[in-house]
Protein backbone atom coordinates (compact mmCIF):
# COMPACT_ATOMS: atom_id res chain seq x y z
CA MET A 1 -35.14 94.97 60.15
CA PHE A 2 -33.80 93.38 63.31
CA HIS A 3 -33.10 96.42 65.47
CA HIS A 4 -31.65 95.00 68.68
CA SER A 5 -33.98 92.02 68.43
CA PHE A 6 -31.89 89.37 66.66
CA GLU A 7 -29.93 88.62 69.82
CA HIS A 8 -33.23 87.66 71.49
CA VAL A 9 -34.32 84.94 69.03
CA ALA A 10 -33.92 81.27 69.87
CA ASP A 11 -33.11 80.15 66.30
CA PRO A 12 -31.22 82.89 64.43
CA MET A 13 -30.84 80.84 61.25
CA ALA A 14 -34.57 80.10 61.02
CA GLU A 15 -35.45 83.77 61.65
CA LEU A 16 -32.99 84.95 59.01
CA ALA A 17 -34.33 82.43 56.50
CA LEU A 18 -37.87 83.70 57.14
CA ALA A 19 -36.73 87.29 56.67
CA LYS A 20 -35.06 86.34 53.39
CA LYS A 21 -38.32 84.79 52.13
CA ALA A 22 -40.13 88.07 52.87
CA LEU A 23 -37.43 90.17 51.21
CA ALA A 24 -38.51 92.23 48.20
CA PRO A 25 -36.37 91.91 45.06
CA GLY A 26 -33.28 94.04 45.52
CA GLY A 27 -34.13 94.57 49.17
CA SER A 28 -31.88 94.26 52.18
CA ILE A 29 -32.05 93.02 55.75
CA LEU A 30 -30.62 95.02 58.63
CA ILE A 31 -29.35 93.30 61.76
CA ARG A 32 -28.30 95.70 64.50
CA MET A 33 -27.01 94.05 67.64
CA PRO A 34 -24.09 93.68 70.03
CA THR A 35 -21.05 91.76 68.86
CA VAL A 36 -18.43 89.80 70.76
CA SER A 37 -15.92 90.94 68.11
CA SER A 38 -15.32 94.08 70.13
CA TRP A 39 -12.80 95.73 72.37
CA ALA A 40 -15.39 95.92 75.16
CA PHE A 41 -16.05 92.17 75.19
CA GLN A 42 -12.31 91.48 75.21
CA ARG A 43 -11.80 93.98 78.06
CA TYR A 44 -14.78 93.19 80.28
CA GLY A 45 -15.59 89.55 79.53
CA ALA A 46 -18.47 88.40 81.74
CA ALA A 47 -18.95 91.97 83.04
CA TRP A 48 -19.63 93.36 79.53
CA PHE A 49 -23.08 94.88 79.84
CA GLN A 50 -24.19 93.78 76.36
CA LEU A 51 -24.14 90.12 77.41
CA ASP A 52 -27.40 90.90 79.20
CA ALA A 53 -28.11 87.30 80.16
CA PRO A 54 -30.62 85.74 80.15
CA ARG A 55 -32.37 88.18 77.76
CA HIS A 56 -29.72 87.91 75.03
CA LEU A 57 -29.71 84.38 73.70
CA THR A 58 -27.10 84.79 70.95
CA ILE A 59 -24.45 87.44 70.42
CA ALA A 60 -22.55 86.77 67.23
CA SER A 61 -19.06 87.64 66.15
CA ARG A 62 -18.53 89.52 62.92
CA LEU A 63 -17.46 86.31 61.21
CA GLY A 64 -20.46 84.55 62.74
CA VAL A 65 -22.88 87.00 61.10
CA GLU A 66 -21.13 86.49 57.75
CA ALA A 67 -21.30 82.69 58.11
CA LEU A 68 -24.95 82.73 59.16
CA ALA A 69 -25.86 85.00 56.25
CA ALA A 70 -24.04 82.73 53.79
CA GLN A 71 -25.87 79.66 55.10
CA VAL A 72 -29.21 81.16 54.05
CA GLY A 73 -27.96 82.62 50.75
CA LEU A 74 -27.21 86.16 51.87
CA ARG A 75 -24.04 88.24 51.96
CA VAL A 76 -22.94 91.09 54.19
CA SER A 77 -22.85 94.19 52.00
CA SER A 78 -21.80 96.60 54.75
CA VAL A 79 -21.21 96.90 58.47
CA ILE A 80 -21.47 100.09 60.50
CA ASP A 81 -20.20 100.13 64.07
CA ASP A 82 -22.34 102.40 66.24
CA SER A 83 -21.34 101.76 69.82
CA THR A 84 -21.48 104.47 72.46
CA ALA A 85 -19.86 105.38 75.76
CA VAL A 86 -22.34 103.17 77.60
CA GLN A 87 -20.14 100.16 76.75
CA PHE A 88 -17.55 101.49 79.17
CA TRP A 89 -19.48 102.89 82.11
CA ARG A 90 -22.20 100.22 82.31
CA SER A 91 -19.58 97.47 82.11
CA ASP A 92 -17.47 99.24 84.76
CA GLN A 93 -20.55 99.37 87.02
CA ILE A 94 -21.19 95.65 86.56
CA ALA A 95 -17.52 94.81 87.16
CA ALA A 96 -17.56 96.88 90.38
CA ASP A 97 -20.91 95.40 91.45
CA LEU A 98 -22.52 98.87 91.33
CA ASP A 99 -25.27 97.75 88.98
CA ALA A 100 -27.92 96.77 91.52
CA GLY A 101 -31.11 98.77 91.29
CA ARG A 102 -30.09 100.81 88.25
CA PRO A 103 -32.26 100.79 85.15
CA PRO A 104 -30.58 99.02 82.21
CA GLN A 105 -30.50 102.15 80.06
CA ALA A 106 -29.63 104.76 82.68
CA VAL A 107 -28.97 108.07 80.95
CA ARG A 108 -25.87 109.11 82.85
CA PRO A 109 -23.82 107.48 85.58
CA PRO A 110 -23.72 109.77 88.63
CA GLU A 111 -20.10 108.89 89.34
CA LEU A 112 -18.82 110.40 86.04
CA SER A 113 -18.50 114.05 85.13
CA ALA A 114 -19.67 115.48 81.82
CA ALA A 115 -16.02 115.78 80.74
CA GLU A 116 -15.37 112.12 81.53
CA LEU A 117 -18.45 111.11 79.56
CA ARG A 118 -17.24 113.16 76.56
CA THR A 119 -13.89 111.38 76.74
CA LEU A 120 -15.63 108.00 76.76
CA ALA A 121 -17.82 109.04 73.83
CA HIS A 122 -14.68 109.98 71.89
CA GLU A 123 -13.17 106.57 72.70
CA ALA A 124 -16.33 104.88 71.39
CA VAL A 125 -16.03 106.79 68.11
CA LYS A 126 -12.42 105.64 67.75
CA LEU A 127 -13.45 102.02 68.35
CA ASN A 128 -16.26 102.34 65.81
CA ARG A 129 -13.83 103.65 63.19
CA ALA A 130 -11.54 100.69 63.89
CA ALA A 131 -14.43 98.19 63.53
CA ALA A 132 -14.03 97.32 67.21
CA GLY A 133 -17.24 98.79 68.63
CA ASP A 134 -19.44 96.65 70.83
CA GLN A 135 -22.47 96.88 68.56
CA ALA A 136 -22.93 97.17 64.85
CA ALA A 137 -25.45 97.21 62.03
CA TRP A 138 -25.03 94.62 59.30
CA VAL A 139 -26.75 95.13 55.95
CA LEU A 140 -27.46 91.80 54.25
CA ARG A 141 -28.41 91.25 50.60
CA GLU A 142 -29.12 88.23 48.46
CA GLU A 143 -26.04 86.68 46.87
């Protein structure tokens, strides 16, 4: 399982090949990470909080994950988008240069009301349903 760790590896193909070697028969590999195939990346560009440079070394597109999996003999069996409202408010803070001194996973932005946060959460659910969320979980299996 690569739970928000795959974007931190220097050689994604080598790491995935190693994971495949350790895979039990009939097993699966989970990669959960941000994706540039998202509304948030298109909207915010360099201010998208999931870029998180220099900690994130690689952030793949949906097609990129499929291609990488295929190169090591795996296939994507399912994808579940699971982004949250943080994609909006953290990126807005970065775009407005309000990010200084805030912890990366702040629980709630002080400038938004509870109602505004609920609206953003609803928007995140809609993006997830449309496969346009800013993070997803890919389940990979042997071909």
